[in-house]
Protein backbone atom coordinates (compact mmCIF):
# COMPACT_ATOMS: atom_id res chain seq x y z
CA MET A 1 -1.82 52.76 20.91
CA PHE A 2 0.57 50.42 18.91
CA TYR A 3 -1.25 47.41 21.11
CA PHE A 4 -4.00 48.89 20.03
CA LEU A 5 -3.73 49.29 16.49
CA SER A 6 -2.12 45.71 16.36
CA ARG A 7 -5.39 44.04 18.03
CA THR A 8 -7.89 45.55 16.27
CA LEU A 9 -5.83 44.69 12.72
CA LEU A 10 -5.70 41.45 13.79
CA HIS A 11 -9.65 41.15 14.98
CA ARG A 12 -10.39 42.35 11.28
CA ARG A 13 -8.24 39.90 10.11
CA CYS A 14 -9.37 37.18 12.02
CA ALA A 15 -12.99 38.19 10.80
CA VAL A 16 -12.41 38.05 6.90
CA THR A 17 -10.76 34.80 7.38
CA GLY A 18 -13.44 33.88 9.31
CA SER A 19 -16.59 34.75 6.71
CA ALA A 20 -14.37 34.35 3.38
CA ALA A 21 -13.96 30.21 5.03
CA ALA A 22 -17.75 30.15 5.73
CA GLN A 23 -18.68 31.41 2.86
CA LYS A 24 -16.93 28.60 1.08
CA LEU A 25 -17.77 26.23 3.64
CA SER A 26 -21.41 26.95 2.10
CA LEU A 27 -20.72 26.87 -1.22
CA VAL A 28 -19.41 23.37 -0.07
CA GLN A 29 -22.05 22.72 1.91
CA LYS A 30 -24.22 22.89 -1.40
CA LEU A 31 -22.33 20.77 -3.90
CA PRO A 32 -24.04 17.14 -4.56
CA PHE A 33 -22.26 14.48 -2.38
CA SER A 34 -20.99 13.14 -6.10
CA GLN A 35 -19.35 16.13 -6.62
CA LEU A 36 -17.81 15.67 -3.12
CA SER A 37 -16.23 12.11 -4.15
CA PRO A 38 -12.23 11.85 -5.15
CA LYS A 39 -13.02 9.94 -7.90
CA PRO A 40 -9.20 8.68 -8.44
CA ILE A 41 -8.78 7.74 -5.20
CA LEU A 42 -11.90 5.52 -5.40
CA ALA A 43 -11.23 4.70 -8.69
CA LYS A 44 -7.13 3.30 -7.60
CA VAL A 45 -9.65 1.43 -4.58
CA ASN A 46 -12.13 -0.56 -7.21
CA GLN A 47 -8.91 -1.44 -9.20
CA HIS A 48 -7.47 -2.56 -6.27
CA SER A 49 -10.05 -4.76 -5.60
CA SER A 50 -10.62 -6.04 -8.50
CA VAL A 51 -6.87 -7.39 -8.95
CA ILE A 52 -7.49 -8.69 -5.03
CA SER A 53 -10.56 -10.96 -6.48
CA PHE A 54 -8.93 -11.72 -9.89
CA LEU A 55 -6.29 -13.22 -7.55
CA ILE A 56 -8.33 -15.35 -5.84
CA ASN A 57 -10.91 -16.16 -8.88
CA ALA A 58 -8.56 -17.13 -11.69
CA CYS A 59 -5.50 -17.75 -9.90
CA GLY A 60 -6.65 -19.31 -6.50
CA LEU A 61 -4.89 -17.56 -4.18
CA SER A 62 -6.41 -17.23 -0.68
CA PRO A 63 -7.32 -13.95 -0.08
CA LYS A 64 -4.21 -13.59 2.44
CA SER A 65 -2.37 -14.16 -0.11
CA ALA A 66 -3.93 -11.92 -2.90
CA LEU A 67 -4.02 -9.21 -0.76
CA SER A 68 0.05 -9.54 -0.35
CA ALA A 69 0.19 -10.16 -3.93
CA SER A 70 -2.00 -7.32 -5.21
CA LYS A 71 1.04 -5.14 -3.54
CA LYS A 72 3.45 -6.13 -6.28
CA LEU A 73 0.29 -5.53 -8.90
CA HIS A 74 -1.41 -2.36 -10.92
CA PHE A 75 -3.36 -3.38 -14.09
CA GLU A 76 -6.81 -1.93 -15.70
CA THR A 77 -8.48 -4.98 -17.22
CA SER A 78 -7.04 -9.00 -17.27
CA GLU A 79 -5.88 -9.15 -20.54
CA ARG A 80 -2.75 -9.64 -20.04
CA PRO A 81 -3.03 -11.77 -16.86
CA ASN A 82 -5.26 -14.33 -18.57
CA LEU A 83 -2.52 -15.09 -21.23
CA VAL A 84 -0.70 -15.38 -18.80
CA LEU A 85 -2.21 -18.00 -16.98
CA SER A 86 -3.34 -19.95 -20.43
CA PHE A 87 0.66 -19.49 -20.87
CA PHE A 88 1.36 -21.95 -17.88
CA LYS A 89 -1.56 -24.19 -18.73
CA ASN A 90 -0.54 -24.84 -22.43
CA HIS A 91 3.16 -25.81 -21.55
CA GLY A 92 1.56 -28.77 -18.47
CA PHE A 93 1.35 -26.73 -15.64
CA SER A 94 -1.40 -27.61 -13.14
CA ARG A 95 -3.29 -25.15 -10.95
CA THR A 96 -1.55 -25.78 -8.42
CA GLN A 97 1.39 -24.94 -8.99
CA ILE A 98 0.31 -22.18 -11.36
CA SER A 99 -1.67 -20.56 -8.19
CA LYS A 100 1.85 -21.21 -5.30
CA ILE A 101 4.28 -19.08 -8.83
CA ILE A 102 1.40 -16.38 -9.21
CA GLY A 103 2.04 -16.66 -5.07
CA ARG A 104 5.42 -16.08 -5.11
CA THR A 105 6.64 -14.01 -8.25
CA PRO A 106 2.65 -11.53 -8.60
CA GLU A 107 4.66 -9.50 -11.18
CA LEU A 108 4.97 -12.49 -13.84
CA LEU A 109 1.12 -11.36 -14.52
CA LEU A 110 2.14 -8.69 -16.24
CA TYR A 111 4.07 -10.56 -18.65
CA GLN A 112 4.21 -10.55 -22.31
CA PRO A 113 4.31 -14.48 -22.17
CA GLU A 114 5.18 -14.39 -25.70
CA LYS A 115 8.15 -11.81 -25.43
CA THR A 116 9.43 -12.70 -22.02
CA LEU A 117 8.44 -16.02 -21.61
CA LEU A 118 8.52 -18.01 -24.45
CA PRO A 119 12.20 -18.13 -24.97
CA LYS A 120 13.24 -19.03 -22.48
CA PHE A 121 10.70 -22.19 -21.93
CA GLU A 122 12.10 -22.73 -25.23
CA PHE A 123 16.02 -22.62 -23.77
CA PHE A 124 14.87 -25.25 -21.53
CA TYR A 125 13.24 -27.55 -23.85
CA SER A 126 16.47 -26.95 -26.55
CA LYS A 127 18.92 -28.57 -23.46
CA GLY A 128 16.43 -31.25 -23.28
CA ILE A 129 14.46 -30.36 -20.37
CA SER A 130 10.99 -31.85 -20.57
CA SER A 131 8.03 -29.83 -19.95
CA SER A 132 7.17 -31.41 -16.58
CA ASP A 133 10.04 -31.38 -15.48
CA LEU A 134 10.57 -27.21 -16.14
CA ALA A 135 7.30 -27.03 -14.19
CA ALA A 136 8.93 -28.77 -11.04
CA LEU A 137 11.79 -26.58 -11.61
CA VAL A 138 9.81 -23.28 -12.19
CA TYR A 139 7.29 -24.52 -9.35
CA THR A 140 10.39 -24.49 -6.70
CA CYS A 141 12.12 -21.16 -8.41
CA PRO A 142 9.72 -18.94 -9.42
CA ARG A 143 13.09 -16.34 -9.99
CA VAL A 144 14.01 -18.93 -12.94
CA ILE A 145 11.55 -17.42 -15.62
CA VAL A 146 12.29 -13.38 -13.88
CA THR A 147 16.02 -14.24 -14.31
CA GLY A 148 17.46 -12.52 -17.60
CA LEU A 149 18.01 -15.16 -20.43
CA GLN A 150 20.92 -13.66 -21.43
CA SER A 151 22.54 -12.40 -18.95
CA LYS A 152 22.46 -15.19 -16.66
CA ILE A 153 19.98 -18.15 -17.71
CA VAL A 154 22.64 -18.86 -20.58
CA PRO A 155 26.04 -18.80 -19.23
CA SER A 156 25.08 -20.08 -16.08
CA PHE A 157 23.75 -23.08 -17.92
CA ASN A 158 26.63 -23.23 -20.25
CA CYS A 159 29.64 -22.28 -17.13
CA LEU A 160 27.85 -25.68 -15.59
CA GLU A 161 27.52 -28.16 -18.28
CA GLU A 162 30.86 -27.17 -19.44
CA LEU A 163 32.38 -27.80 -15.60
CA LEU A 164 30.64 -30.59 -14.77
CA LYS A 165 31.65 -31.89 -18.80
CA SER A 166 27.65 -33.12 -19.34
CA LYS A 167 24.59 -31.72 -20.14
CA ASP A 168 22.45 -34.35 -18.32
CA LYS A 169 25.18 -33.55 -14.97
CA ALA A 170 24.02 -29.93 -15.45
CA ILE A 171 20.42 -30.59 -15.79
CA ALA A 172 20.76 -32.57 -13.12
CA ALA A 173 22.67 -29.76 -10.70
CA ILE A 174 19.70 -27.33 -11.70
CA LYS A 175 17.23 -29.29 -10.90
CA HIS A 176 18.89 -29.80 -7.27
CA PHE A 177 19.10 -26.44 -6.93
CA PRO A 178 17.45 -24.03 -9.78
CA PHE A 179 18.44 -20.71 -7.58
CA ILE A 180 22.00 -21.43 -9.51
CA LEU A 181 20.79 -19.98 -12.86
CA CYS A 182 19.57 -17.11 -11.03
CA HIS A 183 23.05 -15.47 -9.31
CA ASP A 184 26.56 -15.08 -10.78
CA ILE A 185 28.02 -18.85 -10.90
CA GLU A 186 30.15 -17.54 -13.52
CA GLY A 187 32.27 -15.52 -11.15
CA LYS A 188 32.56 -18.23 -8.52
CA VAL A 189 34.11 -20.09 -10.78
CA ALA A 190 36.43 -17.47 -11.88
CA ILE A 191 37.38 -17.10 -8.37
CA LEU A 192 38.20 -20.58 -7.63
CA ARG A 193 40.55 -21.21 -10.78
CA ASP A 194 41.92 -17.66 -10.26
CA HIS A 195 43.24 -19.43 -6.79
CA GLY A 196 44.26 -22.40 -8.08
CA VAL A 197 41.67 -24.40 -7.99
CA PRO A 198 41.15 -27.61 -10.04
CA ASP A 199 38.16 -28.10 -11.64
CA PRO A 200 37.42 -31.44 -10.42
CA ASN A 201 37.71 -29.41 -7.56
CA ILE A 202 35.14 -26.92 -8.34
CA ALA A 203 32.96 -29.13 -9.87
CA LEU A 204 32.39 -30.63 -6.24
CA PHE A 205 32.00 -27.38 -4.77
CA VAL A 206 29.17 -26.51 -7.38
CA ARG A 207 27.21 -29.72 -7.09
CA ARG A 208 27.60 -30.37 -3.14
CA TRP A 209 27.42 -26.94 -1.66
CA PRO A 210 25.43 -24.49 -4.93
CA HIS A 211 24.06 -22.94 -2.47
CA LEU A 212 27.00 -20.79 -2.18
CA SER A 213 26.78 -19.48 -5.31
CA MET A 214 25.06 -16.62 -3.98
CA SER A 215 27.70 -15.11 -2.27
CA ASN A 216 28.62 -12.01 -2.83
CA PRO A 217 31.67 -11.79 -5.59
CA ASP A 218 33.32 -10.02 -2.80
CA LYS A 219 32.83 -11.87 0.12
CA PHE A 220 33.37 -14.72 -2.15
CA ASN A 221 36.75 -13.93 -2.41
CA GLN A 222 37.79 -12.93 0.43
CA THR A 223 36.73 -16.18 2.63
CA VAL A 224 39.02 -18.08 0.33
CA GLU A 225 42.02 -15.73 0.42
CA VAL A 226 41.30 -16.58 4.18
CA VAL A 227 41.61 -20.51 3.67
CA LYS A 228 44.67 -20.02 1.43
CA GLU A 229 46.39 -18.19 3.90
CA MET A 230 45.37 -21.46 6.60
CA GLY A 231 48.11 -22.88 4.33
CA ILE A 232 45.87 -25.45 2.55
CA ASN A 233 46.39 -26.37 -0.37
CA PRO A 234 44.11 -25.03 -3.22
CA LEU A 235 45.10 -28.56 -4.91
CA LYS A 236 43.57 -30.41 -2.32
CA SER A 237 39.75 -31.23 -1.90
CA GLN A 238 39.82 -29.82 1.41
CA PHE A 239 40.38 -26.27 0.15
CA VAL A 240 36.70 -26.12 -0.67
CA VAL A 241 35.34 -28.10 1.90
CA ALA A 242 37.17 -25.67 4.15
CA ILE A 243 35.23 -22.41 2.11
CA VAL A 244 32.18 -24.17 2.83
CA ALA A 245 33.09 -24.79 6.93
CA VAL A 246 34.28 -20.48 6.54
CA LYS A 247 31.39 -19.48 5.18
CA LYS A 248 28.98 -21.71 6.90
CA ILE A 249 30.43 -20.82 10.60
CA GLY A 250 30.93 -16.97 10.61
CA THR A 251 33.06 -15.36 12.56
CA ASP A 252 31.38 -14.75 15.81
CA VAL A 253 30.92 -18.76 15.83
CA TRP A 254 34.14 -19.75 14.60
CA GLU A 255 36.44 -17.84 17.54
CA ARG A 256 34.05 -19.37 20.20
CA LYS A 257 34.65 -22.96 18.48
CA VAL A 258 38.48 -21.97 18.87
CA ASN A 259 37.91 -21.04 21.92
CA LEU A 260 36.39 -24.60 22.97
CA TYR A 261 39.40 -26.74 21.58
CA LYS A 262 41.68 -23.98 23.48
CA SER A 263 39.83 -24.96 27.03
CA TRP A 264 41.08 -28.45 26.97
CA GLY A 265 44.81 -27.35 26.06
CA CYS A 266 44.47 -27.09 22.30
CA SER A 267 46.79 -24.64 20.85
CA GLU A 268 45.56 -22.33 17.87
CA GLU A 269 48.00 -23.81 15.69
CA GLN A 270 47.04 -27.54 16.36
CA ILE A 271 43.65 -26.25 16.03
CA ILE A 272 44.45 -24.59 12.53
CA ALA A 273 46.86 -27.71 11.69
CA SER A 274 43.14 -29.75 12.72
CA PHE A 275 40.87 -27.56 10.77
CA THR A 276 43.55 -27.59 7.27
CA LYS A 277 43.22 -31.34 8.04
CA PHE A 278 39.71 -32.16 8.31
CA PRO A 279 37.67 -28.87 7.67
CA TRP A 280 34.20 -31.03 9.04
CA CYS A 281 35.81 -30.46 13.02
CA MET A 282 35.15 -26.69 12.96
CA ILE A 283 31.60 -27.28 11.66
CA ALA A 284 30.89 -29.60 14.12
CA SER A 285 28.39 -27.82 16.58
CA GLU A 286 30.15 -26.68 19.94
CA ASN A 287 27.90 -29.80 22.10
CA LYS A 288 29.15 -32.43 20.24
CA ILE A 289 32.55 -30.76 20.01
CA SER A 290 32.53 -30.61 24.16
CA SER A 291 31.07 -34.32 23.83
CA ALA A 292 34.15 -35.60 21.64
CA MET A 293 36.49 -34.11 23.45
CA ASP A 294 35.01 -35.44 26.92
CA PHE A 295 34.57 -38.78 25.80
CA PHE A 296 38.39 -39.31 24.30
CA VAL A 297 40.24 -37.06 26.91
CA ASN A 298 37.89 -38.35 30.39
CA LYS A 299 36.82 -41.22 29.31
CA MET A 300 39.26 -42.86 26.69
CA GLY A 301 42.19 -40.80 29.06
CA TRP A 302 43.52 -40.17 25.93
CA LYS A 303 45.22 -35.91 25.66
CA ALA A 304 43.96 -33.20 23.56
CA ASN A 305 46.57 -33.20 20.80
CA ALA A 306 46.18 -36.80 20.16
CA VAL A 307 42.83 -35.75 19.29
CA VAL A 308 42.65 -32.66 17.09
CA GLU A 309 45.27 -34.40 15.53
CA ARG A 310 42.52 -36.68 14.08
CA PRO A 311 40.16 -34.21 13.72
CA ILE A 312 37.92 -36.48 11.76
CA LEU A 313 37.23 -38.52 15.60
CA ILE A 314 34.75 -34.67 16.26
CA SER A 315 32.42 -35.78 13.18
CA LEU A 316 31.71 -38.51 14.49
CA SER A 317 28.57 -40.03 15.54
CA LEU A 318 28.72 -40.85 19.45
CA GLU A 319 25.51 -42.89 20.16
CA ASN A 320 26.02 -44.94 16.61
CA ARG A 321 29.70 -45.38 16.12
CA ILE A 322 31.42 -44.49 19.31
CA LEU A 323 29.45 -45.65 22.15
CA PRO A 324 28.47 -49.02 20.26
CA ARG A 325 32.34 -49.65 19.70
CA ALA A 326 34.25 -48.25 22.96
CA PRO A 327 33.14 -51.25 25.17
CA VAL A 328 34.64 -54.02 22.93
CA LEU A 329 37.71 -51.78 22.29
CA GLN A 330 38.22 -51.45 26.08
CA PHE A 331 37.66 -55.27 26.32
CA VAL A 332 39.85 -56.71 24.03
CA LEU A 333 42.71 -53.65 25.35
CA SER A 334 42.40 -55.56 28.34
CA LYS A 335 42.96 -59.27 26.86
CA GLY A 336 45.91 -57.77 24.80
CA LEU A 337 44.77 -58.27 21.37
CA LEU A 338 44.60 -54.97 20.57
CA GLU A 339 47.73 -52.28 20.64
CA GLU A 340 47.58 -49.31 23.42
CA LYS A 341 48.63 -47.37 21.04
CA VAL A 342 46.22 -44.10 20.05
CA SER A 343 46.42 -44.33 16.23
CA LYS A 344 45.72 -48.03 16.56
CA VAL A 345 42.67 -47.55 18.79
CA ALA A 346 41.12 -44.44 16.81
CA TRP A 347 41.66 -46.29 13.57
CA MET A 348 39.29 -48.72 15.08
CA PHE A 349 36.71 -46.36 15.68
CA THR A 350 36.54 -44.44 12.28
CA CYS A 351 37.13 -47.37 10.12
CA PRO A 352 33.41 -48.71 8.58
CA GLU A 353 31.32 -51.35 9.69
CA LYS A 354 31.75 -53.89 8.26
CA ARG A 355 35.71 -53.78 8.84
CA PHE A 356 35.15 -53.15 11.98
CA VAL A 357 32.92 -56.52 12.70
CA ARG A 358 35.15 -58.50 10.15
CA LYS A 359 38.23 -57.69 12.75
CA CYS A 360 35.52 -58.90 15.93
CA LEU A 361 34.96 -61.99 14.28
CA THR A 362 38.93 -62.24 13.96
CA TRP A 363 39.02 -61.10 17.59
CA HIS A 364 36.14 -63.61 18.28
CA LYS A 365 38.06 -67.27 17.85
CA TYR A 366 39.64 -65.40 21.49
CA GLU A 367 36.91 -64.81 23.17
CA PRO A 368 33.38 -66.16 21.92
CA GLN A 369 31.45 -63.35 24.28
CA LEU A 370 32.45 -60.42 22.11
CA LEU A 371 30.73 -60.15 19.00
CA GLN A 372 27.80 -60.35 21.12
CA LEU A 373 29.17 -57.83 23.24
CA TYR A 374 29.24 -55.30 20.24
CA ARG A 375 25.58 -56.36 18.90
CA GLY A 376 24.19 -55.91 22.47
CA LYS A 377 25.72 -52.32 22.85
CA LEU A 378 24.18 -51.69 19.43
CA ASP A 379 21.03 -50.67 21.65
CA LEU A 380 21.53 -47.30 21.70
CA CYS A 381 19.51 -46.24 24.37
CA LYS A 382 21.13 -49.02 26.82
CA VAL A 383 24.79 -47.62 26.92
CA ARG A 384 25.34 -45.50 30.03
CA GLU A 385 28.44 -43.09 29.99
CA GLY A 386 29.58 -44.64 33.40
CA SER A 387 29.92 -48.59 31.23
CA ILE A 388 32.53 -47.75 29.65
């Protein structure tokens, strides 16, 4: 009985629901199409289409770039975007520059140029940056004019000017790497000063490796502490070079290179000592380290520790420096014109080209064919490992 009542009630409920749905459907079918259209959706579609058209026609973007940029934009009229374009044109930006800038930072089209862009331009002009240089700078790094003026640009510029002791040098550093204005350069400088690094070495660090100013402050501080724990003196320029090396290599690659040196019989203490003396020995690629160690140990007959005690040898170009000089040095060693001391021979590999040639001229008095031998070996393509 309960089963029968349940089926009956369910049937009636479905019938009523179906009837109601049918009535609603019939009403909908009688409505004109215009009333069925989702106007807000169509409006958004049309608006998005007009944004894309503006980006293509007014800004010179490709259809693909315009589609990508349009996802970051929403404007009902082109009044403000046109003001932004006019602003750039009035400040000497070319159409190509404007197109690239808008393509990379389309949100600039929503800015109020007189309120947000002009103060930044005036600041750069006040520092002696010309309109053409500013256009090139913004073209390279549009984020410069998206960055806050008082929160980032002014403090970063002042920090550079104070550190480099010159407004012109600060401008040169910014032209070289405009992104430096978009990050906390002050914080990195403060960290280095706190660890006892003198300003001239910090200036070297900022000029040569400005991209490291983009590092997370905490991670940057950790790297500095790691280098300090290795025993490198913060007063020496090797300290900032070591920071660069550790940041560039990363933990995994560092371990691989340490193990590579160990495979040649070097101890960890010797490797660290080598790094503290000449940090570039760890920046060299694994292939370069292997090639250099193979040459000096297997071809020259030196012990591995003698090589890592002179880590600059690892950084020398095998093709351009080591292989052309090796036959000459082997020759003079065989003739007794050079002491068979690793220190003496190593110096002949590391000394500048002019000094090496001058030394060759000295030996030339005793062995006329020597200079010709060296000049012949400068043709690197003809040098074979077995010839040494």
